[in-house]
Amino acid sequence: MGEQDKQGKMPATTESVVVSRVPRSRLHTKLWIIGVICFVILSAVVTAGVALYQSRHSAQSPSEASKVTVSQQATGLYLSGDYKQAQQVLSQAISQTGDKTEQGKLYEQKANLAYTNGDYANGLQFAQLAEQLNPTANSANWIAQNAEKVGKKPLALKYYQLELQRIGKPVTPSGNAGLKAKIAELQAEAQ
């Protein structure tokens, strides 16, 4: 254990000094950004894993199997640093399917990639197209996140609220605390 000072207290560690110098709001923002990045990466990995599992363990038509491959291909291209090619692969898949639900899912993936790449204006457009084709909690989330990044806070608030409504009953022990906090933050900014 460390040495105690004259008052019997342990001296502050370097780590606690560094953290205390960062204003709470900056620290909160950085942690939130790190959390979002981790969520996006985790969701891409989970999506690829689920798609791979489904392609191996379910009876799919050749067209369904190719859609899974498109999603995996786009994710792989993005992770290897080719954002534009990943978006092109998804755009081509959208043009080749007549299924609006599938098109909506592909636009959600385009919005996800755009957001992750910092291309928020295009991310917002892709998310809005996903919302028109197949309104889900995910499409609402991508509209909200991209809208917030381009400074459209009222739009972001509207779609975070819609996302919360669409989620319904929470599936995690923490519930929707993070989403509710984001809504409260935007509501406070609006006043």
N, C-alpha and C. Protein backbone atom coordinates (compact mmCIF):
# COMPACT_ATOMS: atom_id res chain seq x y z
N MET A 1 0.83 -1.18 0.00
CA MET A 1 0.00 0.00 0.00
C MET A 1 0.87 1.24 0.00
N GLY A 2 0.34 2.38 -0.32
CA GLY A 2 1.11 3.63 -0.39
C GLY A 2 1.31 4.25 0.97
N GLU A 3 2.14 5.28 1.01
CA GLU A 3 2.42 5.97 2.26
C GLU A 3 1.30 6.95 2.55
N GLN A 4 1.03 7.16 3.83
CA GLN A 4 0.01 8.11 4.25
C GLN A 4 0.65 9.44 4.55
N ASP A 5 -0.09 10.56 4.37
CA ASP A 5 0.44 11.87 4.73
C ASP A 5 0.26 12.10 6.22
N LYS A 6 0.57 13.28 6.71
CA LYS A 6 0.53 13.56 8.15
C LYS A 6 -0.87 13.45 8.73
N GLN A 7 -1.89 13.66 7.93
CA GLN A 7 -3.26 13.58 8.42
C GLN A 7 -3.83 12.16 8.33
N GLY A 8 -3.02 11.23 7.88
CA GLY A 8 -3.45 9.84 7.80
C GLY A 8 -4.23 9.52 6.55
N LYS A 9 -4.23 10.42 5.56
CA LYS A 9 -4.96 10.19 4.32
C LYS A 9 -4.00 9.73 3.25
N MET A 10 -4.51 8.95 2.35
CA MET A 10 -3.71 8.50 1.21
C MET A 10 -3.62 9.65 0.21
N PRO A 11 -2.43 9.90 -0.35
CA PRO A 11 -2.33 10.97 -1.36
C PRO A 11 -3.10 10.59 -2.62
N ALA A 12 -3.54 11.60 -3.35
CA ALA A 12 -4.28 11.36 -4.59
C ALA A 12 -3.35 10.70 -5.61
N THR A 13 -3.90 9.77 -6.35
CA THR A 13 -3.11 9.14 -7.39
C THR A 13 -3.05 10.05 -8.59
N THR A 14 -2.11 9.80 -9.47
CA THR A 14 -1.99 10.59 -10.70
C THR A 14 -3.28 10.50 -11.50
N GLU A 15 -3.85 9.31 -11.54
CA GLU A 15 -5.07 9.10 -12.32
C GLU A 15 -6.21 9.96 -11.81
N SER A 16 -6.39 10.02 -10.47
CA SER A 16 -7.49 10.82 -9.94
C SER A 16 -7.26 12.30 -10.16
N VAL A 17 -6.01 12.73 -10.17
CA VAL A 17 -5.70 14.14 -10.42
C VAL A 17 -6.05 14.48 -11.86
N VAL A 18 -5.69 13.61 -12.80
CA VAL A 18 -5.96 13.85 -14.21
C VAL A 18 -7.46 13.92 -14.45
N VAL A 19 -8.21 12.99 -13.87
CA VAL A 19 -9.65 12.96 -14.07
C VAL A 19 -10.29 14.20 -13.46
N SER A 20 -9.79 14.65 -12.29
CA SER A 20 -10.41 15.79 -11.64
C SER A 20 -10.14 17.09 -12.41
N ARG A 21 -9.13 17.13 -13.25
CA ARG A 21 -8.85 18.33 -14.03
C ARG A 21 -9.79 18.48 -15.22
N VAL A 22 -10.39 17.39 -15.68
CA VAL A 22 -11.30 17.44 -16.82
C VAL A 22 -12.68 17.83 -16.31
N PRO A 23 -13.28 18.89 -16.86
CA PRO A 23 -14.63 19.27 -16.43
C PRO A 23 -15.59 18.11 -16.62
N ARG A 24 -16.51 17.99 -15.71
CA ARG A 24 -17.44 16.87 -15.72
C ARG A 24 -18.16 16.73 -17.07
N SER A 25 -18.56 17.83 -17.66
CA SER A 25 -19.30 17.74 -18.92
C SER A 25 -18.42 17.20 -20.05
N ARG A 26 -17.13 17.59 -20.09
CA ARG A 26 -16.23 17.07 -21.11
C ARG A 26 -16.00 15.58 -20.89
N LEU A 27 -15.81 15.20 -19.64
CA LEU A 27 -15.60 13.79 -19.33
C LEU A 27 -16.83 12.98 -19.72
N HIS A 28 -18.01 13.51 -19.37
CA HIS A 28 -19.25 12.82 -19.72
C HIS A 28 -19.37 12.68 -21.23
N THR A 29 -19.06 13.75 -21.97
CA THR A 29 -19.14 13.72 -23.43
C THR A 29 -18.18 12.69 -24.00
N LYS A 30 -16.94 12.69 -23.49
CA LYS A 30 -15.96 11.72 -23.99
C LYS A 30 -16.41 10.30 -23.72
N LEU A 31 -16.91 10.04 -22.52
CA LEU A 31 -17.37 8.70 -22.18
C LEU A 31 -18.57 8.31 -23.06
N TRP A 32 -19.45 9.26 -23.32
CA TRP A 32 -20.60 8.97 -24.15
C TRP A 32 -20.16 8.64 -25.57
N ILE A 33 -19.20 9.39 -26.11
CA ILE A 33 -18.70 9.14 -27.46
C ILE A 33 -18.03 7.78 -27.53
N ILE A 34 -17.23 7.46 -26.53
CA ILE A 34 -16.58 6.14 -26.49
C ILE A 34 -17.63 5.05 -26.44
N GLY A 35 -18.67 5.27 -25.65
CA GLY A 35 -19.75 4.29 -25.57
C GLY A 35 -20.45 4.09 -26.90
N VAL A 36 -20.72 5.17 -27.61
CA VAL A 36 -21.37 5.08 -28.93
C VAL A 36 -20.48 4.32 -29.90
N ILE A 37 -19.19 4.65 -29.90
CA ILE A 37 -18.26 3.96 -30.81
C ILE A 37 -18.23 2.47 -30.50
N CYS A 38 -18.16 2.13 -29.21
CA CYS A 38 -18.16 0.71 -28.83
C CYS A 38 -19.46 0.04 -29.26
N PHE A 39 -20.59 0.75 -29.08
CA PHE A 39 -21.87 0.19 -29.48
C PHE A 39 -21.91 -0.06 -30.99
N VAL A 40 -21.43 0.88 -31.77
CA VAL A 40 -21.45 0.73 -33.23
C VAL A 40 -20.58 -0.45 -33.66
N ILE A 41 -19.39 -0.54 -33.09
CA ILE A 41 -18.50 -1.65 -33.44
C ILE A 41 -19.12 -2.97 -33.02
N LEU A 42 -19.66 -3.00 -31.79
CA LEU A 42 -20.28 -4.23 -31.30
C LEU A 42 -21.49 -4.61 -32.17
N SER A 43 -22.29 -3.61 -32.56
CA SER A 43 -23.46 -3.94 -33.38
C SER A 43 -23.04 -4.46 -34.75
N ALA A 44 -21.95 -3.93 -35.32
CA ALA A 44 -21.47 -4.44 -36.61
C ALA A 44 -20.99 -5.88 -36.47
N VAL A 45 -20.28 -6.17 -35.40
CA VAL A 45 -19.79 -7.54 -35.17
C VAL A 45 -20.96 -8.48 -34.92
N VAL A 46 -21.91 -8.07 -34.10
CA VAL A 46 -23.07 -8.91 -33.82
C VAL A 46 -23.89 -9.14 -35.09
N THR A 47 -24.08 -8.08 -35.89
CA THR A 47 -24.82 -8.22 -37.14
C THR A 47 -24.14 -9.22 -38.06
N ALA A 48 -22.84 -9.11 -38.18
CA ALA A 48 -22.11 -10.05 -39.03
C ALA A 48 -22.21 -11.47 -38.48
N GLY A 49 -22.11 -11.61 -37.16
CA GLY A 49 -22.20 -12.93 -36.54
C GLY A 49 -23.57 -13.55 -36.71
N VAL A 50 -24.61 -12.76 -36.49
CA VAL A 50 -25.98 -13.26 -36.66
C VAL A 50 -26.21 -13.65 -38.12
N ALA A 51 -25.76 -12.80 -39.02
CA ALA A 51 -25.93 -13.09 -40.44
C ALA A 51 -25.22 -14.38 -40.82
N LEU A 52 -24.02 -14.56 -40.32
CA LEU A 52 -23.26 -15.78 -40.61
C LEU A 52 -23.97 -17.00 -40.03
N TYR A 53 -24.43 -16.88 -38.79
CA TYR A 53 -25.15 -17.99 -38.15
C TYR A 53 -26.40 -18.35 -38.95
N GLN A 54 -27.18 -17.32 -39.32
CA GLN A 54 -28.41 -17.57 -40.08
C GLN A 54 -28.11 -18.20 -41.43
N SER A 55 -27.04 -17.76 -42.06
CA SER A 55 -26.74 -18.31 -43.38
C SER A 55 -26.33 -19.78 -43.29
N ARG A 56 -25.79 -20.19 -42.16
CA ARG A 56 -25.35 -21.58 -42.01
C ARG A 56 -26.42 -22.48 -41.42
N HIS A 57 -27.37 -21.91 -40.66
CA HIS A 57 -28.31 -22.74 -39.92
C HIS A 57 -29.77 -22.57 -40.32
N SER A 58 -30.05 -21.93 -41.40
CA SER A 58 -31.44 -21.83 -41.82
C SER A 58 -31.53 -22.09 -43.32
N ALA A 59 -32.71 -22.54 -43.67
CA ALA A 59 -32.94 -22.79 -45.10
C ALA A 59 -33.27 -21.45 -45.75
N GLN A 60 -32.37 -20.96 -46.58
CA GLN A 60 -32.57 -19.69 -47.25
C GLN A 60 -32.56 -19.88 -48.75
N SER A 61 -33.31 -19.01 -49.38
CA SER A 61 -33.25 -19.00 -50.83
C SER A 61 -31.92 -18.38 -51.24
N PRO A 62 -31.47 -18.59 -52.46
CA PRO A 62 -30.22 -17.98 -52.92
C PRO A 62 -30.21 -16.46 -52.79
N SER A 63 -31.36 -15.81 -53.02
CA SER A 63 -31.39 -14.35 -52.91
C SER A 63 -31.21 -13.90 -51.47
N GLU A 64 -31.79 -14.62 -50.49
CA GLU A 64 -31.60 -14.28 -49.09
C GLU A 64 -30.15 -14.46 -48.68
N ALA A 65 -29.53 -15.52 -49.14
CA ALA A 65 -28.12 -15.76 -48.81
C ALA A 65 -27.24 -14.65 -49.38
N SER A 66 -27.58 -14.15 -50.58
CA SER A 66 -26.77 -13.09 -51.16
C SER A 66 -26.93 -11.78 -50.39
N LYS A 67 -28.12 -11.52 -49.80
CA LYS A 67 -28.33 -10.32 -48.99
C LYS A 67 -27.46 -10.36 -47.74
N VAL A 68 -27.37 -11.54 -47.14
CA VAL A 68 -26.50 -11.69 -45.98
C VAL A 68 -25.07 -11.41 -46.39
N THR A 69 -24.66 -11.93 -47.52
CA THR A 69 -23.30 -11.72 -48.01
C THR A 69 -23.04 -10.24 -48.27
N VAL A 70 -24.02 -9.52 -48.78
CA VAL A 70 -23.87 -8.09 -49.04
C VAL A 70 -23.60 -7.34 -47.74
N SER A 71 -24.36 -7.67 -46.72
CA SER A 71 -24.17 -7.02 -45.42
C SER A 71 -22.78 -7.30 -44.87
N GLN A 72 -22.37 -8.55 -44.95
CA GLN A 72 -21.04 -8.92 -44.47
C GLN A 72 -19.96 -8.24 -45.31
N GLN A 73 -20.17 -8.20 -46.62
CA GLN A 73 -19.19 -7.58 -47.51
C GLN A 73 -19.04 -6.10 -47.19
N ALA A 74 -20.15 -5.40 -47.00
CA ALA A 74 -20.10 -3.96 -46.70
C ALA A 74 -19.39 -3.72 -45.38
N THR A 75 -19.70 -4.53 -44.37
CA THR A 75 -19.04 -4.37 -43.07
C THR A 75 -17.55 -4.63 -43.20
N GLY A 76 -17.18 -5.66 -43.92
CA GLY A 76 -15.76 -5.97 -44.13
C GLY A 76 -15.03 -4.86 -44.86
N LEU A 77 -15.66 -4.30 -45.89
CA LEU A 77 -15.05 -3.20 -46.63
C LEU A 77 -14.84 -1.99 -45.73
N TYR A 78 -15.85 -1.67 -44.93
CA TYR A 78 -15.72 -0.53 -44.03
C TYR A 78 -14.61 -0.75 -43.01
N LEU A 79 -14.59 -1.92 -42.42
CA LEU A 79 -13.58 -2.21 -41.40
C LEU A 79 -12.17 -2.22 -41.98
N SER A 80 -12.06 -2.50 -43.29
CA SER A 80 -10.74 -2.47 -43.93
C SER A 80 -10.39 -1.06 -44.44
N GLY A 81 -11.27 -0.08 -44.18
CA GLY A 81 -10.97 1.30 -44.52
C GLY A 81 -11.56 1.81 -45.82
N ASP A 82 -12.44 1.04 -46.46
CA ASP A 82 -13.00 1.48 -47.74
C ASP A 82 -14.47 1.86 -47.57
N TYR A 83 -14.70 3.02 -46.96
CA TYR A 83 -16.05 3.50 -46.68
C TYR A 83 -16.88 3.67 -47.95
N LYS A 84 -16.31 4.31 -48.97
CA LYS A 84 -17.06 4.56 -50.21
C LYS A 84 -17.50 3.27 -50.88
N GLN A 85 -16.62 2.30 -50.94
CA GLN A 85 -16.97 1.02 -51.57
C GLN A 85 -18.03 0.29 -50.74
N ALA A 86 -17.95 0.38 -49.42
CA ALA A 86 -18.97 -0.24 -48.56
C ALA A 86 -20.34 0.37 -48.85
N GLN A 87 -20.38 1.70 -48.99
CA GLN A 87 -21.65 2.36 -49.31
C GLN A 87 -22.15 1.95 -50.70
N GLN A 88 -21.24 1.82 -51.66
CA GLN A 88 -21.64 1.42 -53.01
C GLN A 88 -22.22 0.01 -53.03
N VAL A 89 -21.63 -0.90 -52.28
CA VAL A 89 -22.14 -2.27 -52.21
C VAL A 89 -23.57 -2.26 -51.67
N LEU A 90 -23.81 -1.47 -50.63
CA LEU A 90 -25.16 -1.39 -50.06
C LEU A 90 -26.13 -0.72 -51.04
N SER A 91 -25.70 0.33 -51.73
CA SER A 91 -26.56 1.00 -52.71
C SER A 91 -26.96 0.04 -53.83
N GLN A 92 -26.01 -0.76 -54.28
CA GLN A 92 -26.30 -1.73 -55.34
C GLN A 92 -27.31 -2.76 -54.85
N ALA A 93 -27.16 -3.21 -53.62
CA ALA A 93 -28.10 -4.19 -53.07
C ALA A 93 -29.49 -3.59 -52.94
N ILE A 94 -29.56 -2.32 -52.56
CA ILE A 94 -30.86 -1.65 -52.44
C ILE A 94 -31.55 -1.59 -53.80
N SER A 95 -30.77 -1.28 -54.83
CA SER A 95 -31.36 -1.17 -56.17
C SER A 95 -31.78 -2.53 -56.73
N GLN A 96 -31.23 -3.60 -56.20
CA GLN A 96 -31.54 -4.93 -56.73
C GLN A 96 -32.66 -5.64 -56.00
N THR A 97 -33.13 -5.08 -54.90
CA THR A 97 -34.23 -5.72 -54.18
C THR A 97 -35.48 -4.85 -54.27
N GLY A 98 -36.60 -5.49 -54.41
CA GLY A 98 -37.87 -4.77 -54.44
C GLY A 98 -38.56 -4.80 -53.09
N ASP A 99 -37.97 -5.48 -52.11
CA ASP A 99 -38.55 -5.63 -50.79
C ASP A 99 -38.26 -4.37 -49.96
N LYS A 100 -39.31 -3.62 -49.65
CA LYS A 100 -39.13 -2.35 -48.92
C LYS A 100 -38.56 -2.56 -47.52
N THR A 101 -38.93 -3.64 -46.87
CA THR A 101 -38.37 -3.92 -45.54
C THR A 101 -36.87 -4.14 -45.64
N GLU A 102 -36.45 -4.91 -46.61
CA GLU A 102 -35.01 -5.16 -46.80
C GLU A 102 -34.29 -3.88 -47.20
N GLN A 103 -34.91 -3.08 -48.06
CA GLN A 103 -34.31 -1.80 -48.42
C GLN A 103 -34.13 -0.91 -47.20
N GLY A 104 -35.14 -0.90 -46.32
CA GLY A 104 -35.06 -0.12 -45.09
C GLY A 104 -33.90 -0.57 -44.22
N LYS A 105 -33.72 -1.89 -44.10
CA LYS A 105 -32.62 -2.42 -43.30
C LYS A 105 -31.27 -2.04 -43.90
N LEU A 106 -31.18 -2.07 -45.21
CA LEU A 106 -29.92 -1.71 -45.87
C LEU A 106 -29.63 -0.21 -45.71
N TYR A 107 -30.69 0.61 -45.76
CA TYR A 107 -30.49 2.05 -45.52
C TYR A 107 -30.08 2.30 -44.07
N GLU A 108 -30.60 1.50 -43.13
CA GLU A 108 -30.15 1.62 -41.74
C GLU A 108 -28.65 1.33 -41.65
N GLN A 109 -28.21 0.32 -42.37
CA GLN A 109 -26.79 -0.01 -42.35
C GLN A 109 -25.97 1.12 -42.99
N LYS A 110 -26.49 1.71 -44.05
CA LYS A 110 -25.79 2.85 -44.68
C LYS A 110 -25.71 4.02 -43.68
N ALA A 111 -26.79 4.27 -42.94
CA ALA A 111 -26.78 5.34 -41.93
C ALA A 111 -25.77 5.04 -40.83
N ASN A 112 -25.71 3.79 -40.42
CA ASN A 112 -24.76 3.35 -39.40
C ASN A 112 -23.32 3.60 -39.86
N LEU A 113 -23.00 3.16 -41.07
CA LEU A 113 -21.65 3.36 -41.60
C LEU A 113 -21.31 4.84 -41.74
N ALA A 114 -22.28 5.62 -42.22
CA ALA A 114 -22.05 7.06 -42.40
C ALA A 114 -21.77 7.72 -41.05
N TYR A 115 -22.58 7.38 -40.05
CA TYR A 115 -22.39 7.95 -38.72
C TYR A 115 -21.01 7.58 -38.17
N THR A 116 -20.67 6.33 -38.28
CA THR A 116 -19.38 5.86 -37.78
C THR A 116 -18.23 6.54 -38.49
N ASN A 117 -18.42 6.88 -39.75
CA ASN A 117 -17.38 7.53 -40.54
C ASN A 117 -17.38 9.05 -40.39
N GLY A 118 -18.33 9.59 -39.61
CA GLY A 118 -18.40 11.04 -39.42
C GLY A 118 -19.11 11.76 -40.55
N ASP A 119 -19.80 11.02 -41.41
CA ASP A 119 -20.52 11.58 -42.55
C ASP A 119 -21.99 11.77 -42.14
N TYR A 120 -22.22 12.70 -41.20
CA TYR A 120 -23.52 12.82 -40.54
C TYR A 120 -24.64 13.30 -41.46
N ALA A 121 -24.35 14.19 -42.39
CA ALA A 121 -25.39 14.69 -43.30
C ALA A 121 -25.94 13.54 -44.16
N ASN A 122 -25.04 12.74 -44.73
CA ASN A 122 -25.51 11.58 -45.50
C ASN A 122 -26.14 10.54 -44.59
N GLY A 123 -25.60 10.38 -43.39
CA GLY A 123 -26.19 9.45 -42.43
C GLY A 123 -27.64 9.80 -42.14
N LEU A 124 -27.90 11.10 -42.00
CA LEU A 124 -29.27 11.55 -41.75
C LEU A 124 -30.17 11.23 -42.94
N GLN A 125 -29.70 11.47 -44.15
CA GLN A 125 -30.50 11.16 -45.34
C GLN A 125 -30.80 9.67 -45.44
N PHE A 126 -29.78 8.83 -45.19
CA PHE A 126 -29.97 7.38 -45.26
C PHE A 126 -30.97 6.92 -44.20
N ALA A 127 -30.85 7.48 -43.00
CA ALA A 127 -31.75 7.09 -41.90
C ALA A 127 -33.19 7.51 -42.21
N GLN A 128 -33.36 8.68 -42.83
CA GLN A 128 -34.71 9.12 -43.19
C GLN A 128 -35.32 8.22 -44.26
N LEU A 129 -34.50 7.75 -45.19
CA LEU A 129 -34.99 6.80 -46.20
C LEU A 129 -35.37 5.48 -45.53
N ALA A 130 -34.57 5.03 -44.58
CA ALA A 130 -34.90 3.80 -43.85
C ALA A 130 -36.22 3.96 -43.12
N GLU A 131 -36.42 5.12 -42.51
CA GLU A 131 -37.65 5.41 -41.78
C GLU A 131 -38.87 5.38 -42.71
N GLN A 132 -38.73 5.91 -43.91
CA GLN A 132 -39.84 5.91 -44.87
C GLN A 132 -40.18 4.49 -45.32
N LEU A 133 -39.16 3.67 -45.51
CA LEU A 133 -39.37 2.32 -46.04
C LEU A 133 -39.77 1.31 -44.98
N ASN A 134 -39.17 1.42 -43.78
CA ASN A 134 -39.38 0.42 -42.74
C ASN A 134 -39.14 1.07 -41.38
N PRO A 135 -40.16 1.79 -40.84
CA PRO A 135 -39.97 2.50 -39.58
C PRO A 135 -39.72 1.53 -38.41
N THR A 136 -38.57 1.68 -37.78
CA THR A 136 -38.19 0.84 -36.64
C THR A 136 -37.54 1.72 -35.57
N ALA A 137 -37.27 1.13 -34.42
CA ALA A 137 -36.52 1.84 -33.37
C ALA A 137 -35.13 2.20 -33.89
N ASN A 138 -34.54 1.30 -34.69
CA ASN A 138 -33.20 1.57 -35.23
C ASN A 138 -33.20 2.75 -36.19
N SER A 139 -34.19 2.81 -37.08
CA SER A 139 -34.22 3.94 -38.02
C SER A 139 -34.42 5.25 -37.27
N ALA A 140 -35.27 5.24 -36.24
CA ALA A 140 -35.46 6.44 -35.42
C ALA A 140 -34.16 6.82 -34.72
N ASN A 141 -33.43 5.83 -34.21
CA ASN A 141 -32.16 6.09 -33.53
C ASN A 141 -31.15 6.73 -34.47
N TRP A 142 -31.04 6.20 -35.69
CA TRP A 142 -30.05 6.75 -36.62
C TRP A 142 -30.42 8.15 -37.08
N ILE A 143 -31.72 8.43 -37.21
CA ILE A 143 -32.13 9.81 -37.52
C ILE A 143 -31.72 10.72 -36.36
N ALA A 144 -32.03 10.30 -35.14
CA ALA A 144 -31.74 11.12 -33.97
C ALA A 144 -30.25 11.39 -33.82
N GLN A 145 -29.44 10.35 -33.92
CA GLN A 145 -27.99 10.52 -33.72
C GLN A 145 -27.38 11.42 -34.80
N ASN A 146 -27.73 11.18 -36.05
CA ASN A 146 -27.17 11.99 -37.13
C ASN A 146 -27.69 13.42 -37.09
N ALA A 147 -28.99 13.59 -36.78
CA ALA A 147 -29.57 14.93 -36.67
C ALA A 147 -28.88 15.73 -35.57
N GLU A 148 -28.61 15.08 -34.46
CA GLU A 148 -27.93 15.76 -33.36
C GLU A 148 -26.53 16.23 -33.79
N LYS A 149 -25.84 15.40 -34.54
CA LYS A 149 -24.48 15.74 -34.98
C LYS A 149 -24.45 16.89 -35.98
N VAL A 150 -25.51 17.05 -36.78
CA VAL A 150 -25.55 18.16 -37.74
C VAL A 150 -26.25 19.38 -37.16
N GLY A 151 -26.56 19.33 -35.86
CA GLY A 151 -27.12 20.50 -35.19
C GLY A 151 -28.63 20.63 -35.26
N LYS A 152 -29.32 19.61 -35.69
CA LYS A 152 -30.79 19.65 -35.78
C LYS A 152 -31.37 19.02 -34.51
N LYS A 153 -31.19 19.73 -33.40
CA LYS A 153 -31.56 19.19 -32.08
C LYS A 153 -33.06 18.92 -31.94
N PRO A 154 -33.97 19.79 -32.43
CA PRO A 154 -35.40 19.46 -32.31
C PRO A 154 -35.76 18.16 -33.04
N LEU A 155 -35.17 17.95 -34.22
CA LEU A 155 -35.40 16.71 -34.95
C LEU A 155 -34.83 15.52 -34.18
N ALA A 156 -33.64 15.70 -33.61
CA ALA A 156 -33.03 14.64 -32.82
C ALA A 156 -33.93 14.28 -31.64
N LEU A 157 -34.42 15.28 -30.93
CA LEU A 157 -35.30 15.04 -29.78
C LEU A 157 -36.54 14.25 -30.20
N LYS A 158 -37.16 14.68 -31.28
CA LYS A 158 -38.37 14.01 -31.78
C LYS A 158 -38.11 12.53 -32.03
N TYR A 159 -36.98 12.22 -32.66
CA TYR A 159 -36.72 10.83 -33.02
C TYR A 159 -36.15 10.00 -31.86
N TYR A 160 -35.49 10.62 -30.90
CA TYR A 160 -35.11 9.88 -29.69
C TYR A 160 -36.38 9.48 -28.94
N GLN A 161 -37.36 10.39 -28.88
CA GLN A 161 -38.63 10.08 -28.23
C GLN A 161 -39.37 8.97 -28.97
N LEU A 162 -39.34 9.03 -30.29
CA LEU A 162 -39.99 7.99 -31.09
C LEU A 162 -39.28 6.65 -30.91
N GLU A 163 -37.97 6.68 -30.83
CA GLU A 163 -37.21 5.44 -30.58
C GLU A 163 -37.64 4.83 -29.25
N LEU A 164 -37.72 5.65 -28.21
CA LEU A 164 -38.13 5.17 -26.88
C LEU A 164 -39.52 4.56 -26.94
N GLN A 165 -40.41 5.20 -27.66
CA GLN A 165 -41.78 4.70 -27.81
C GLN A 165 -41.78 3.35 -28.53
N ARG A 166 -40.97 3.22 -29.56
CA ARG A 166 -40.93 1.97 -30.34
C ARG A 166 -40.26 0.84 -29.60
N ILE A 167 -39.30 1.16 -28.74
CA ILE A 167 -38.62 0.11 -27.99
C ILE A 167 -39.59 -0.58 -27.05
N GLY A 168 -40.43 0.21 -26.39
CA GLY A 168 -41.38 -0.36 -25.46
C GLY A 168 -40.70 -0.82 -24.19
N LYS A 169 -40.99 -2.04 -23.78
CA LYS A 169 -40.44 -2.58 -22.53
C LYS A 169 -38.93 -2.80 -22.67
N PRO A 170 -38.14 -2.27 -21.71
CA PRO A 170 -36.69 -2.45 -21.76
C PRO A 170 -36.29 -3.92 -21.66
N VAL A 171 -35.20 -4.26 -22.32
CA VAL A 171 -34.72 -5.64 -22.31
C VAL A 171 -33.46 -5.80 -21.47
N THR A 172 -32.97 -4.72 -20.88
CA THR A 172 -31.78 -4.78 -20.05
C THR A 172 -32.12 -4.30 -18.65
N PRO A 173 -31.32 -4.70 -17.65
CA PRO A 173 -31.58 -4.25 -16.28
C PRO A 173 -31.55 -2.73 -16.12
N SER A 174 -30.69 -2.06 -16.87
CA SER A 174 -30.63 -0.59 -16.76
C SER A 174 -31.78 0.09 -17.48
N GLY A 175 -32.57 -0.70 -18.20
CA GLY A 175 -33.70 -0.13 -18.91
C GLY A 175 -33.24 0.76 -20.04
N ASN A 176 -33.95 1.83 -20.21
CA ASN A 176 -33.62 2.80 -21.25
C ASN A 176 -33.06 4.08 -20.63
N ALA A 177 -32.31 3.93 -19.56
CA ALA A 177 -31.81 5.09 -18.80
C ALA A 177 -30.97 6.02 -19.68
N GLY A 178 -30.10 5.48 -20.50
CA GLY A 178 -29.26 6.32 -21.36
C GLY A 178 -30.08 7.12 -22.35
N LEU A 179 -31.06 6.47 -22.95
CA LEU A 179 -31.92 7.14 -23.92
C LEU A 179 -32.78 8.20 -23.23
N LYS A 180 -33.31 7.87 -22.05
CA LYS A 180 -34.12 8.85 -21.31
C LYS A 180 -33.26 10.05 -20.89
N ALA A 181 -32.01 9.81 -20.52
CA ALA A 181 -31.11 10.90 -20.15
C ALA A 181 -30.83 11.80 -21.36
N LYS A 182 -30.65 11.20 -22.53
CA LYS A 182 -30.41 11.98 -23.74
C LYS A 182 -31.63 12.84 -24.06
N ILE A 183 -32.82 12.28 -23.91
CA ILE A 183 -34.05 13.04 -24.16
C ILE A 183 -34.15 14.21 -23.19
N ALA A 184 -33.89 13.95 -21.91
CA ALA A 184 -33.95 15.01 -20.90
C ALA A 184 -32.91 16.11 -21.20
N GLU A 185 -31.73 15.71 -21.63
CA GLU A 185 -30.68 16.68 -21.98
C GLU A 185 -31.14 17.59 -23.13
N LEU A 186 -31.70 17.00 -24.17
CA LEU A 186 -32.16 17.80 -25.31
C LEU A 186 -33.36 18.67 -24.96
N GLN A 187 -34.23 18.15 -24.09
CA GLN A 187 -35.38 18.96 -23.66
C GLN A 187 -34.90 20.17 -22.85
N ALA A 188 -33.90 19.97 -22.00
CA ALA A 188 -33.37 21.07 -21.21
C ALA A 188 -32.70 22.11 -22.12
N GLU A 189 -32.00 21.67 -23.14
CA GLU A 189 -31.37 22.59 -24.08
C GLU A 189 -32.40 23.39 -24.87
N ALA A 190 -33.56 22.79 -25.11
CA ALA A 190 -34.59 23.44 -25.90
C ALA A 190 -35.29 24.55 -25.13
N GLN A 191 -35.19 24.52 -23.81
CA GLN A 191 -35.89 25.51 -22.99
C GLN A 191 -35.10 26.75 -22.78
